[in-house]
C-alpha atoms as a PDB file:
ATOM      1  CA  MET A   1      99.529  45.115-117.297  1.00  0.00           C
ATOM      2  CA  PRO A   2      96.563  43.126-116.252  1.00  0.00           C
ATOM      3  CA  LEU A   3      93.803  44.645-113.811  1.00  0.00           C
ATOM      4  CA  GLY A   4      94.554  41.532-111.385  1.00  0.00           C
ATOM      5  CA  LEU A   5      97.959  42.012-111.227  1.00  0.00           C
ATOM      6  CA  ILE A   6      97.368  45.795-110.066  1.00  0.00           C
ATOM      7  CA  LEU A   7      94.905  44.732-107.646  1.00  0.00           C
ATOM      8  CA  GLY A   8      97.142  42.164-106.103  1.00  0.00           C
ATOM      9  CA  LEU A   9      99.978  44.800-105.587  1.00  0.00           C
ATOM     10  CA  GLY A  10      97.617  47.303-103.899  1.00  0.00           C
ATOM     11  CA  ARG A  11      96.458  44.584-101.581  1.00  0.00           C
ATOM     12  CA  SER A  12      99.986  43.555-100.564  1.00  0.00           C
ATOM     13  CA  MET A  13     100.835  47.085-100.017  1.00  0.00           C
ATOM     14  CA  ARG A  14      98.074  47.895 -97.597  1.00  0.00           C
ATOM     15  CA  ARG A  15      98.835  48.960 -94.099  1.00  0.00           C
ATOM     16  CA  LYS A  16      97.981  46.576 -91.317  1.00  0.00           C
ATOM     17  CA  ARG A  17      96.332  47.609 -88.208  1.00  0.00           C
ATOM     18  CA  THR A  18      99.078  48.277 -85.657  1.00  0.00           C
ATOM     19  CA  SER A  19      96.454  48.828 -82.675  1.00  0.00           C
ATOM     20  CA  SER A  20      95.755  45.244 -82.198  1.00  0.00           C
ATOM     21  CA  LEU A  21      99.453  44.058 -82.720  1.00  0.00           C
ATOM     22  CA  SER A  22     100.869  46.422 -80.172  1.00  0.00           C
ATOM     23  CA  ILE A  23      99.040  44.929 -77.281  1.00  0.00           C
ATOM     24  CA  LEU A  24     101.458  42.499 -75.446  1.00  0.00           C
ATOM     25  CA  SER A  25      99.361  39.896 -73.441  1.00  0.00           C
ATOM     26  CA  SER A  26     100.630  36.482 -72.333  1.00  0.00           C
ATOM     27  CA  LYS A  27      99.149  34.721 -75.123  1.00  0.00           C
ATOM     28  CA  ARG A  28     101.501  36.820 -77.488  1.00  0.00           C
ATOM     29  CA  ALA A  29     104.519  36.825 -75.323  1.00  0.00           C
ATOM     30  CA  PRO A  30     107.081  34.191 -74.667  1.00  0.00           C
ATOM     31  CA  ARG A  31     106.116  31.089 -72.474  1.00  0.00           C
ATOM     32  CA  GLU A  32     107.622  32.536 -69.348  1.00  0.00           C
ATOM     33  CA  TYR A  33     106.230  35.868 -69.554  1.00  0.00           C
ATOM     34  CA  TYR A  34     103.915  37.230 -66.723  1.00  0.00           C
ATOM     35  CA  LYS A  35     102.368  40.320 -67.276  1.00  0.00           C
ATOM     36  CA  GLY A  36     101.150  40.779 -63.664  1.00  0.00           C
ATOM     37  CA  LYS A  37      98.573  43.442 -62.230  1.00  0.00           C
ATOM     38  CA  ASN A  38     100.274  46.687 -62.934  1.00  0.00           C
ATOM     39  CA  CYS A  39     101.764  46.606 -59.436  1.00  0.00           C
ATOM     40  CA  LYS A  40     105.234  47.847 -58.291  1.00  0.00           C
ATOM     41  CA  SER A  41     107.661  45.376 -56.922  1.00  0.00           C
ATOM     42  CA  THR A  42     108.612  45.714 -53.213  1.00  0.00           C
ATOM     43  CA  GLY A  43     112.087  44.299 -53.365  1.00  0.00           C
ATOM     44  CA  PHE A  44     114.053  41.868 -55.304  1.00  0.00           C
ATOM     45  CA  PHE A  45     114.979  38.382 -55.998  1.00  0.00           C
ATOM     46  CA  THR A  46     118.415  36.878 -54.597  1.00  0.00           C
ATOM     47  CA  ARG A  47     120.452  34.565 -56.536  1.00  0.00           C
ATOM     48  CA  LYS A  48     119.440  31.644 -54.434  1.00  0.00           C
ATOM     49  CA  GLY A  49     115.835  32.074 -54.786  1.00  0.00           C
ATOM     50  CA  GLY A  50     115.089  34.348 -51.825  1.00  0.00           C
ATOM     51  CA  TYR A  51     113.298  37.752 -51.847  1.00  0.00           C
ATOM     52  CA  VAL A  52     114.369  40.755 -49.890  1.00  0.00           C
ATOM     53  CA  VAL A  53     112.030  43.456 -49.145  1.00  0.00           C
ATOM     54  CA  MET A  54     113.196  46.965 -49.422  1.00  0.00           C
ATOM     55  CA  GLU A  55     111.741  49.417 -46.924  1.00  0.00           C
ATOM     56  CA  GLU A  56     112.084  52.348 -49.425  1.00  0.00           C
ATOM     57  CA  LYS A  57     109.545  50.538 -51.869  1.00  0.00           C
ATOM     58  CA  LEU A  58     106.860  49.796 -49.442  1.00  0.00           C
ATOM     59  CA  PRO A  59     103.954  51.952 -49.544  1.00  0.00           C
ATOM     60  CA  LYS A  60     103.291  54.424 -46.882  1.00  0.00           C
ATOM     61  CA  TYR A  61      99.649  55.077 -46.200  1.00  0.00           C
ATOM     62  CA  VAL A  62      98.907  58.621 -44.227  1.00  0.00           C
ATOM     63  CA  VAL A  63      95.913  58.291 -42.120  1.00  0.00           C
ATOM     64  CA  PRO A  64      94.306  61.071 -40.429  1.00  0.00           C
ATOM     65  CA  ASP A  65      93.327  60.936 -36.838  1.00  0.00           C
ATOM     66  CA  LEU A  66      89.496  60.140 -36.603  1.00  0.00           C
ATOM     67  CA  THR A  67      88.970  60.221 -32.661  1.00  0.00           C
ATOM     68  CA  ASP A  68      86.305  62.676 -32.527  1.00  0.00           C
ATOM     69  CA  PHE A  69      84.481  61.860 -36.022  1.00  0.00           C
ATOM     70  CA  LYS A  70      80.814  61.224 -35.855  1.00  0.00           C
ATOM     71  CA  LEU A  71      80.432  59.003 -38.814  1.00  0.00           C
ATOM     72  CA  LYS A  72      81.003  55.101 -38.048  1.00  0.00           C
ATOM     73  CA  ALA A  73      83.280  53.152 -40.559  1.00  0.00           C
ATOM     74  CA  TYR A  74      80.573  50.190 -41.129  1.00  0.00           C
ATOM     75  CA  VAL A  75      77.854  50.724 -43.574  1.00  0.00           C
ATOM     76  CA  SER A  76      75.011  48.079 -43.251  1.00  0.00           C
ATOM     77  CA  GLN A  77      73.913  46.104 -46.472  1.00  0.00           C
ATOM     78  CA  CYS A  78      70.301  45.968 -44.907  1.00  0.00           C
ATOM     79  CA  PRO A  79      69.396  49.613 -44.145  1.00  0.00           C
ATOM     80  CA  ARG A  80      66.325  50.224 -41.778  1.00  0.00           C
ATOM     81  CA  GLU A  81      63.745  52.661 -43.378  1.00  0.00           C
ATOM     82  CA  ALA A  82      64.473  56.238 -42.211  1.00  0.00           C
ATOM     83  CA  ASN A  83      61.756  58.451 -41.150  1.00  0.00           C
ATOM     84  CA  ASN A  84      61.913  61.522 -43.483  1.00  0.00           C
ATOM     85  CA  THR A  85      59.547  64.361 -41.970  1.00  0.00           C
ATOM     86  CA  GLU A  86      60.722  66.615 -44.485  1.00  0.00           C
ATOM     87  CA  ALA A  87      59.575  64.888 -47.410  1.00  0.00           C
ATOM     88  CA  THR A  88      56.059  63.838 -45.922  1.00  0.00           C
ATOM     89  CA  THR A  89      55.308  67.490 -45.509  1.00  0.00           C
ATOM     90  CA  ALA A  90      56.505  68.655 -48.685  1.00  0.00           C
ATOM     91  CA  GLU A  91      54.134  66.450 -50.746  1.00  0.00           C
ATOM     92  CA  ALA A  92      51.048  67.145 -48.615  1.00  0.00           C
END
């Protein structure tokens, strides 16, 4: 057998990389495919084009009672300079 035929058979039998082929994106899928943002649905679509929200699929947030909490919820983007007396005494 000629060497070129043996090399050609070896190249055709080589395995392809499957990692890039298994990723399904909107460019590799059918035209009407929408991948979304990995969010769960909160209901379902009806036959007439409406949408029914199901109460058991809605997220339920548990918020603790923060009435006597000392910290504020707002953090300023322009903080004032703090007076650190511990840092100045440690340097001296």
